[in-house]
Amino acid sequence: MLDPIAKYFKYHRGVKKYMMILHKKLEELKCRKDDIESRLNIDLLQSGKTLKKEVQLWLDGACKIISQVDSLSKEVGDMKYLSRARLGKKITVTIKVVDEHHRKGAAALPKDMFSNLKSFRIHQCPNIKRLFTPGLLLQLHSLSVIEVTFCPQMKDIIAEDNDESIENHSIDMKKTTNHPMLRHLVLCELPKLKSIYTQTLHCDSLQVIEVFGCPRLNRIPFSPSPEHMIKGVISSH
């Protein structure tokens, strides 16, 4: 336990470091917000459903937090020497708020909302870095077309989320390797894309893979082997 004087100097000296942490956490929250909004727009357009209250509350909360952090950044830019400790403490509290809201975002989407989704097309979404988690992929039973184009920050098509523990999904993740309905995959102008999936995807119906402008992608993780089972493969870096 730190005494009051030690805490004062901790907050006083740590403003710059705390702000760097806060901005990193905020970017993660913004990515999750963009991710949820993109997925919701697709599902709502196809199904005609209305947005659930808890999802809207989470999105509203994310917008409020983003605004609060912007205001806090301005305070730091204008801060006086004697106000550093107060701001340092305020920043650490805000980091916890951002972290907690980011965590809640993992459970914001209804579990069955994507079960009837047949095609997933995403175009020019500049902030999305990951398309699906293994847990979400389990719900996409009917998905036959995936198109991802002109998303400059996209790094992974399927990647484990920080909030999806290996222990909780060790069994489910094995099931995600089997996706019998997927027929067509298009990946275009994704300069940072490194991985489709770190494991192997079993896609017996897969017919066409189109890859353009993905210079960092070195592995196509499908089984049976694309050379033997896929009708057409177009690959161009």
C-alpha atoms as a PDB file:
ATOM      1  CA  MET A   1       0.000   0.000   0.000  1.00  0.00           C
ATOM      2  CA  LEU A   2       1.381   3.378  -1.026  1.00  0.00           C
ATOM      3  CA  ASP A   3       1.113   6.291   1.357  1.00  0.00           C
ATOM      4  CA  PRO A   4      -0.615   9.483   0.100  1.00  0.00           C
ATOM      5  CA  ILE A   5       2.665  11.226  -0.726  1.00  0.00           C
ATOM      6  CA  ALA A   6       3.950   8.250  -2.727  1.00  0.00           C
ATOM      7  CA  LYS A   7       0.650   8.060  -4.617  1.00  0.00           C
ATOM      8  CA  TYR A   8       0.851  11.768  -5.372  1.00  0.00           C
ATOM      9  CA  PHE A   9       4.296  11.439  -6.962  1.00  0.00           C
ATOM     10  CA  LYS A  10       3.257   8.253  -8.781  1.00  0.00           C
ATOM     11  CA  TYR A  11       0.379  10.050 -10.506  1.00  0.00           C
ATOM     12  CA  HIS A  12       2.413  13.248 -10.938  1.00  0.00           C
ATOM     13  CA  ARG A  13       5.281  11.518 -12.762  1.00  0.00           C
ATOM     14  CA  GLY A  14       3.213   9.026 -14.714  1.00  0.00           C
ATOM     15  CA  VAL A  15       0.931  11.294 -16.754  1.00  0.00           C
ATOM     16  CA  LYS A  16       2.726  10.745 -20.077  1.00  0.00           C
ATOM     17  CA  LYS A  17       3.010   6.976 -19.606  1.00  0.00           C
ATOM     18  CA  TYR A  18      -0.624   6.682 -18.507  1.00  0.00           C
ATOM     19  CA  MET A  19      -1.824   8.661 -21.515  1.00  0.00           C
ATOM     20  CA  MET A  20       0.073   6.351 -23.881  1.00  0.00           C
ATOM     21  CA  ILE A  21      -1.622   3.351 -22.255  1.00  0.00           C
ATOM     22  CA  LEU A  22      -5.003   5.058 -22.405  1.00  0.00           C
ATOM     23  CA  HIS A  23      -4.680   5.877 -26.103  1.00  0.00           C
ATOM     24  CA  LYS A  24      -3.732   2.281 -26.876  1.00  0.00           C
ATOM     25  CA  LYS A  25      -6.748   1.004 -24.922  1.00  0.00           C
ATOM     26  CA  LEU A  26      -8.969   3.540 -26.660  1.00  0.00           C
ATOM     27  CA  GLU A  27      -7.861   2.331 -30.102  1.00  0.00           C
ATOM     28  CA  GLU A  28      -8.789  -1.216 -29.093  1.00  0.00           C
ATOM     29  CA  LEU A  29     -12.217   0.012 -27.975  1.00  0.00           C
ATOM     30  CA  LYS A  30     -12.727   1.907 -31.246  1.00  0.00           C
ATOM     31  CA  CYS A  31     -11.818  -1.198 -33.232  1.00  0.00           C
ATOM     32  CA  ARG A  32     -14.328  -3.256 -31.281  1.00  0.00           C
ATOM     33  CA  LYS A  33     -16.992  -0.585 -31.809  1.00  0.00           C
ATOM     34  CA  ASP A  34     -16.337  -0.487 -35.568  1.00  0.00           C
ATOM     35  CA  ASP A  35     -16.313  -4.278 -35.635  1.00  0.00           C
ATOM     36  CA  ILE A  36     -19.687  -4.571 -33.882  1.00  0.00           C
ATOM     37  CA  GLU A  37     -21.275  -1.830 -36.002  1.00  0.00           C
ATOM     38  CA  SER A  38     -20.111  -3.448 -39.251  1.00  0.00           C
ATOM     39  CA  ARG A  39     -21.428  -6.863 -38.275  1.00  0.00           C
ATOM     40  CA  LEU A  40     -24.711  -5.410 -37.058  1.00  0.00           C
ATOM     41  CA  ASN A  41     -25.261  -3.460 -40.276  1.00  0.00           C
ATOM     42  CA  ILE A  42     -24.893  -6.624 -42.328  1.00  0.00           C
ATOM     43  CA  ASP A  43     -27.168  -8.726 -40.139  1.00  0.00           C
ATOM     44  CA  LEU A  44     -29.868  -6.075 -39.723  1.00  0.00           C
ATOM     45  CA  LEU A  45     -30.045  -5.421 -43.452  1.00  0.00           C
ATOM     46  CA  GLN A  46     -30.416  -9.118 -44.243  1.00  0.00           C
ATOM     47  CA  SER A  47     -32.799 -10.114 -41.469  1.00  0.00           C
ATOM     48  CA  GLY A  48     -34.858  -6.985 -40.892  1.00  0.00           C
ATOM     49  CA  LYS A  49     -34.327  -7.300 -37.141  1.00  0.00           C
ATOM     50  CA  THR A  50     -34.196  -4.337 -34.791  1.00  0.00           C
ATOM     51  CA  LEU A  51     -31.144  -3.527 -32.721  1.00  0.00           C
ATOM     52  CA  LYS A  52     -31.350  -4.994 -29.231  1.00  0.00           C
ATOM     53  CA  LYS A  53     -31.367  -2.497 -26.374  1.00  0.00           C
ATOM     54  CA  GLU A  54     -28.261  -3.877 -24.665  1.00  0.00           C
ATOM     55  CA  VAL A  55     -26.244  -3.608 -27.894  1.00  0.00           C
ATOM     56  CA  GLN A  56     -27.354  -0.012 -28.449  1.00  0.00           C
ATOM     57  CA  LEU A  57     -26.501   0.831 -24.839  1.00  0.00           C
ATOM     58  CA  TRP A  58     -23.011  -0.610 -25.321  1.00  0.00           C
ATOM     59  CA  LEU A  59     -22.474   1.415 -28.506  1.00  0.00           C
ATOM     60  CA  ASP A  60     -23.766   4.583 -26.817  1.00  0.00           C
ATOM     61  CA  GLY A  61     -21.448   3.916 -23.889  1.00  0.00           C
ATOM     62  CA  ALA A  62     -18.477   3.476 -26.214  1.00  0.00           C
ATOM     63  CA  CYS A  63     -19.219   6.821 -27.905  1.00  0.00           C
ATOM     64  CA  LYS A  64     -19.451   8.521 -24.509  1.00  0.00           C
ATOM     65  CA  ILE A  65     -16.130   7.069 -23.360  1.00  0.00           C
ATOM     66  CA  ILE A  66     -14.408   8.106 -26.607  1.00  0.00           C
ATOM     67  CA  SER A  67     -15.680  11.654 -26.071  1.00  0.00           C
ATOM     68  CA  GLN A  68     -14.486  11.639 -22.446  1.00  0.00           C
ATOM     69  CA  VAL A  69     -11.003  10.532 -23.456  1.00  0.00           C
ATOM     70  CA  ASP A  70     -10.841  13.283 -26.084  1.00  0.00           C
ATOM     71  CA  SER A  71     -11.729  15.831 -23.398  1.00  0.00           C
ATOM     72  CA  LEU A  72      -9.153  14.349 -21.046  1.00  0.00           C
ATOM     73  CA  SER A  73      -6.479  14.601 -23.742  1.00  0.00           C
ATOM     74  CA  LYS A  74      -7.226  18.313 -24.059  1.00  0.00           C
ATOM     75  CA  GLU A  75      -6.941  18.716 -20.292  1.00  0.00           C
ATOM     76  CA  VAL A  76      -3.523  17.070 -20.367  1.00  0.00           C
ATOM     77  CA  GLY A  77      -2.432  19.359 -23.187  1.00  0.00           C
ATOM     78  CA  ASP A  78      -3.413  22.424 -21.132  1.00  0.00           C
ATOM     79  CA  MET A  79      -2.404  21.115 -17.705  1.00  0.00           C
ATOM     80  CA  LYS A  80      -0.547  23.142 -15.124  1.00  0.00           C
ATOM     81  CA  TYR A  81       2.307  21.692 -13.097  1.00  0.00           C
ATOM     82  CA  LEU A  82       0.259  21.428  -9.890  1.00  0.00           C
ATOM     83  CA  SER A  83      -2.580  19.607 -11.664  1.00  0.00           C
ATOM     84  CA  ARG A  84      -0.416  16.715 -12.937  1.00  0.00           C
ATOM     85  CA  ALA A  85      -1.147  14.410  -9.994  1.00  0.00           C
ATOM     86  CA  ARG A  86      -4.898  14.970 -10.262  1.00  0.00           C
ATOM     87  CA  LEU A  87      -4.832  14.242 -13.980  1.00  0.00           C
ATOM     88  CA  GLY A  88      -2.596  11.211 -13.500  1.00  0.00           C
ATOM     89  CA  LYS A  89      -5.143   9.676 -11.134  1.00  0.00           C
ATOM     90  CA  LYS A  90      -8.010  10.566 -13.472  1.00  0.00           C
ATOM     91  CA  ILE A  91      -6.240   8.887 -16.387  1.00  0.00           C
ATOM     92  CA  THR A  92      -5.675   5.625 -14.475  1.00  0.00           C
ATOM     93  CA  VAL A  93      -9.362   5.517 -13.532  1.00  0.00           C
ATOM     94  CA  THR A  94     -10.319   6.111 -17.177  1.00  0.00           C
ATOM     95  CA  ILE A  95      -8.015   3.272 -18.315  1.00  0.00           C
ATOM     96  CA  LYS A  96     -10.014   0.900 -16.100  1.00  0.00           C
ATOM     97  CA  VAL A  97     -13.307   2.221 -17.518  1.00  0.00           C
ATOM     98  CA  VAL A  98     -12.129   1.697 -21.113  1.00  0.00           C
ATOM     99  CA  ASP A  99     -10.848  -1.800 -20.303  1.00  0.00           C
ATOM    100  CA  GLU A 100     -14.125  -2.811 -18.673  1.00  0.00           C
ATOM    101  CA  HIS A 101     -16.256  -1.497 -21.539  1.00  0.00           C
ATOM    102  CA  HIS A 102     -14.041  -3.242 -24.092  1.00  0.00           C
ATOM    103  CA  ARG A 103     -14.521  -6.518 -22.202  1.00  0.00           C
ATOM    104  CA  LYS A 104     -18.301  -6.103 -22.121  1.00  0.00           C
ATOM    105  CA  GLY A 105     -18.294  -5.615 -25.889  1.00  0.00           C
ATOM    106  CA  ALA A 106     -17.388  -9.280 -26.356  1.00  0.00           C
ATOM    107  CA  ALA A 107     -20.815 -10.235 -24.996  1.00  0.00           C
ATOM    108  CA  ALA A 108     -22.792  -7.384 -26.572  1.00  0.00           C
ATOM    109  CA  LEU A 109     -23.887  -9.240 -29.698  1.00  0.00           C
ATOM    110  CA  PRO A 110     -26.731 -11.784 -29.521  1.00  0.00           C
ATOM    111  CA  LYS A 111     -25.301 -15.284 -29.829  1.00  0.00           C
ATOM    112  CA  ASP A 112     -27.618 -16.405 -32.633  1.00  0.00           C
ATOM    113  CA  MET A 113     -27.747 -13.261 -34.737  1.00  0.00           C
ATOM    114  CA  PHE A 114     -25.502 -14.614 -37.518  1.00  0.00           C
ATOM    115  CA  SER A 115     -26.877 -18.144 -37.764  1.00  0.00           C
ATOM    116  CA  ASN A 116     -28.675 -17.515 -41.097  1.00  0.00           C
ATOM    117  CA  LEU A 117     -26.032 -15.292 -42.675  1.00  0.00           C
ATOM    118  CA  LYS A 118     -25.145 -16.584 -46.173  1.00  0.00           C
ATOM    119  CA  SER A 119     -22.746 -13.941 -47.444  1.00  0.00           C
ATOM    120  CA  PHE A 120     -20.394 -11.568 -45.666  1.00  0.00           C
ATOM    121  CA  ARG A 121     -19.032  -8.671 -47.718  1.00  0.00           C
ATOM    122  CA  ILE A 122     -16.979  -5.921 -46.133  1.00  0.00           C
ATOM    123  CA  HIS A 123     -15.483  -3.036 -48.140  1.00  0.00           C
ATOM    124  CA  GLN A 124     -13.363  -0.024 -47.190  1.00  0.00           C
ATOM    125  CA  CYS A 125     -13.536  -0.364 -43.406  1.00  0.00           C
ATOM    126  CA  PRO A 126     -10.291   1.351 -42.407  1.00  0.00           C
ATOM    127  CA  ASN A 127     -10.163   0.431 -38.698  1.00  0.00           C
ATOM    128  CA  ILE A 128     -11.099  -3.260 -38.610  1.00  0.00           C
ATOM    129  CA  LYS A 129      -8.147  -5.529 -37.848  1.00  0.00           C
ATOM    130  CA  ARG A 130      -9.905  -8.874 -37.352  1.00  0.00           C
ATOM    131  CA  LEU A 131     -13.005 -10.227 -39.069  1.00  0.00           C
ATOM    132  CA  PHE A 132     -14.115 -13.231 -36.971  1.00  0.00           C
ATOM    133  CA  THR A 133     -13.226 -14.905 -33.707  1.00  0.00           C
ATOM    134  CA  PRO A 134     -13.355 -18.727 -33.583  1.00  0.00           C
ATOM    135  CA  GLY A 135     -16.384 -18.465 -31.297  1.00  0.00           C
ATOM    136  CA  LEU A 136     -18.250 -16.275 -33.791  1.00  0.00           C
ATOM    137  CA  LEU A 137     -17.348 -18.545 -36.681  1.00  0.00           C
ATOM    138  CA  LEU A 138     -19.151 -21.380 -34.926  1.00  0.00           C
ATOM    139  CA  GLN A 139     -22.414 -19.496 -35.430  1.00  0.00           C
ATOM    140  CA  LEU A 140     -22.006 -18.987 -39.189  1.00  0.00           C
ATOM    141  CA  HIS A 141     -23.525 -22.296 -40.228  1.00  0.00           C
ATOM    142  CA  SER A 142     -24.916 -21.020 -43.556  1.00  0.00           C
ATOM    143  CA  LEU A 143     -22.077 -18.756 -44.664  1.00  0.00           C
ATOM    144  CA  SER A 144     -21.030 -19.525 -48.242  1.00  0.00           C
ATOM    145  CA  VAL A 145     -19.358 -16.288 -49.434  1.00  0.00           C
ATOM    146  CA  ILE A 146     -16.751 -14.127 -47.709  1.00  0.00           C
ATOM    147  CA  GLU A 147     -15.458 -10.995 -49.434  1.00  0.00           C
ATOM    148  CA  VAL A 148     -13.032  -8.623 -47.723  1.00  0.00           C
ATOM    149  CA  THR A 149     -11.770  -5.733 -49.837  1.00  0.00           C
ATOM    150  CA  PHE A 150      -9.810  -2.533 -49.293  1.00  0.00           C
ATOM    151  CA  CYS A 151      -9.442  -2.751 -45.503  1.00  0.00           C
ATOM    152  CA  PRO A 152      -5.922  -1.392 -44.880  1.00  0.00           C
ATOM    153  CA  GLN A 153      -5.667  -2.412 -41.203  1.00  0.00           C
ATOM    154  CA  MET A 154      -6.983  -5.977 -41.573  1.00  0.00           C
ATOM    155  CA  LYS A 155      -4.431  -8.434 -40.128  1.00  0.00           C
ATOM    156  CA  ASP A 156      -6.416 -11.632 -39.520  1.00  0.00           C
ATOM    157  CA  ILE A 157      -9.595 -13.094 -40.967  1.00  0.00           C
ATOM    158  CA  ILE A 158     -10.089 -15.450 -38.010  1.00  0.00           C
ATOM    159  CA  ALA A 159      -8.217 -14.750 -34.777  1.00  0.00           C
ATOM    160  CA  GLU A 160      -8.619 -15.461 -31.083  1.00  0.00           C
ATOM    161  CA  ASP A 161     -10.034 -12.505 -29.170  1.00  0.00           C
ATOM    162  CA  ASN A 162      -8.367 -11.463 -25.923  1.00  0.00           C
ATOM    163  CA  ASP A 163     -11.618 -12.175 -24.112  1.00  0.00           C
ATOM    164  CA  GLU A 164     -12.028 -15.683 -25.534  1.00  0.00           C
ATOM    165  CA  SER A 165      -9.900 -17.878 -23.307  1.00  0.00           C
ATOM    166  CA  ILE A 166      -8.280 -21.011 -24.643  1.00  0.00           C
ATOM    167  CA  GLU A 167      -9.796 -22.949 -21.752  1.00  0.00           C
ATOM    168  CA  ASN A 168     -13.348 -21.914 -22.563  1.00  0.00           C
ATOM    169  CA  HIS A 169     -13.040 -22.643 -26.272  1.00  0.00           C
ATOM    170  CA  SER A 170     -10.604 -25.562 -26.469  1.00  0.00           C
ATOM    171  CA  ILE A 171     -13.389 -27.869 -27.655  1.00  0.00           C
ATOM    172  CA  ASP A 172     -15.256 -25.349 -29.766  1.00  0.00           C
ATOM    173  CA  MET A 173     -12.146 -24.225 -31.631  1.00  0.00           C
ATOM    174  CA  LYS A 174     -11.749 -27.727 -33.039  1.00  0.00           C
ATOM    175  CA  LYS A 175     -15.242 -27.453 -34.524  1.00  0.00           C
ATOM    176  CA  THR A 176     -14.394 -24.197 -36.288  1.00  0.00           C
ATOM    177  CA  THR A 177     -12.013 -26.112 -38.547  1.00  0.00           C
ATOM    178  CA  ASN A 178     -15.047 -27.672 -40.239  1.00  0.00           C
ATOM    179  CA  HIS A 179     -16.992 -25.220 -42.417  1.00  0.00           C
ATOM    180  CA  PRO A 180     -18.874 -27.243 -45.053  1.00  0.00           C
ATOM    181  CA  MET A 181     -20.903 -24.414 -46.660  1.00  0.00           C
ATOM    182  CA  LEU A 182     -18.107 -21.982 -47.623  1.00  0.00           C
ATOM    183  CA  ARG A 183     -17.817 -21.846 -51.426  1.00  0.00           C
ATOM    184  CA  HIS A 184     -16.166 -18.541 -52.332  1.00  0.00           C
ATOM    185  CA  LEU A 185     -13.451 -16.485 -50.589  1.00  0.00           C
ATOM    186  CA  VAL A 186     -12.276 -13.099 -51.875  1.00  0.00           C
ATOM    187  CA  LEU A 187      -9.428 -11.158 -50.263  1.00  0.00           C
ATOM    188  CA  CYS A 188      -8.490  -7.961 -52.090  1.00  0.00           C
ATOM    189  CA  GLU A 189      -6.113  -5.097 -51.227  1.00  0.00           C
ATOM    190  CA  LEU A 190      -5.385  -6.050 -47.622  1.00  0.00           C
ATOM    191  CA  PRO A 191      -1.749  -4.916 -47.303  1.00  0.00           C
ATOM    192  CA  LYS A 192      -1.384  -5.930 -43.624  1.00  0.00           C
ATOM    193  CA  LEU A 193      -3.164  -9.289 -43.817  1.00  0.00           C
ATOM    194  CA  LYS A 194      -0.895 -11.951 -42.316  1.00  0.00           C
ATOM    195  CA  SER A 195      -3.273 -14.818 -41.632  1.00  0.00           C
ATOM    196  CA  ILE A 196      -6.595 -16.302 -42.703  1.00  0.00           C
ATOM    197  CA  TYR A 197      -6.477 -18.708 -39.747  1.00  0.00           C
ATOM    198  CA  THR A 198      -3.632 -20.232 -37.764  1.00  0.00           C
ATOM    199  CA  GLN A 199      -5.279 -23.667 -37.783  1.00  0.00           C
ATOM    200  CA  THR A 200      -6.648 -25.683 -40.699  1.00  0.00           C
ATOM    201  CA  LEU A 201     -10.139 -25.109 -42.103  1.00  0.00           C
ATOM    202  CA  HIS A 202     -11.969 -28.089 -43.566  1.00  0.00           C
ATOM    203  CA  CYS A 203     -14.125 -26.698 -46.389  1.00  0.00           C
ATOM    204  CA  ASP A 204     -15.411 -29.465 -48.662  1.00  0.00           C
ATOM    205  CA  SER A 205     -17.579 -27.069 -50.705  1.00  0.00           C
ATOM    206  CA  LEU A 206     -14.889 -24.468 -51.374  1.00  0.00           C
ATOM    207  CA  GLN A 207     -14.711 -23.703 -55.101  1.00  0.00           C
ATOM    208  CA  VAL A 208     -12.881 -20.411 -55.581  1.00  0.00           C
ATOM    209  CA  ILE A 209     -10.251 -18.451 -53.692  1.00  0.00           C
ATOM    210  CA  GLU A 210      -9.353 -14.996 -55.015  1.00  0.00           C
ATOM    211  CA  VAL A 211      -6.399 -13.196 -53.456  1.00  0.00           C
ATOM    212  CA  PHE A 212      -5.185  -9.833 -54.740  1.00  0.00           C
ATOM    213  CA  GLY A 213      -2.932  -7.271 -53.083  1.00  0.00           C
ATOM    214  CA  CYS A 214      -2.164  -9.279 -49.929  1.00  0.00           C
ATOM    215  CA  PRO A 215       1.661  -9.297 -49.939  1.00  0.00           C
ATOM    216  CA  ARG A 216       2.069 -10.571 -46.362  1.00  0.00           C
ATOM    217  CA  LEU A 217      -0.227 -13.573 -46.734  1.00  0.00           C
ATOM    218  CA  ASN A 218       1.870 -16.702 -47.193  1.00  0.00           C
ATOM    219  CA  ARG A 219      -0.485 -19.538 -46.229  1.00  0.00           C
ATOM    220  CA  ILE A 220      -3.899 -20.747 -47.424  1.00  0.00           C
ATOM    221  CA  PRO A 221      -5.128 -22.893 -44.479  1.00  0.00           C
ATOM    222  CA  PHE A 222      -7.704 -25.093 -46.221  1.00  0.00           C
ATOM    223  CA  SER A 223      -8.193 -28.818 -46.322  1.00  0.00           C
ATOM    224  CA  PRO A 224      -8.679 -30.686 -48.624  1.00  0.00           C
ATOM    225  CA  SER A 225      -5.746 -29.122 -50.436  1.00  0.00           C
ATOM    226  CA  PRO A 226      -6.823 -26.281 -52.787  1.00  0.00           C
ATOM    227  CA  GLU A 227      -4.765 -27.766 -55.614  1.00  0.00           C
ATOM    228  CA  HIS A 228      -6.929 -30.901 -55.661  1.00  0.00           C
ATOM    229  CA  MET A 229     -10.389 -29.758 -54.571  1.00  0.00           C
ATOM    230  CA  ILE A 230     -10.884 -26.112 -55.566  1.00  0.00           C
ATOM    231  CA  LYS A 231     -12.236 -25.463 -59.048  1.00  0.00           C
ATOM    232  CA  GLY A 232     -10.450 -22.157 -59.506  1.00  0.00           C
ATOM    233  CA  VAL A 233      -7.700 -20.400 -57.614  1.00  0.00           C
ATOM    234  CA  ILE A 234      -6.704 -16.849 -58.446  1.00  0.00           C
ATOM    235  CA  SER A 235      -3.717 -15.640 -56.449  1.00  0.00           C
ATOM    236  CA  SER A 236      -1.875 -12.400 -57.108  1.00  0.00           C
ATOM    237  CA  HIS A 237       0.290 -10.409 -54.688  1.00  0.00           C
END
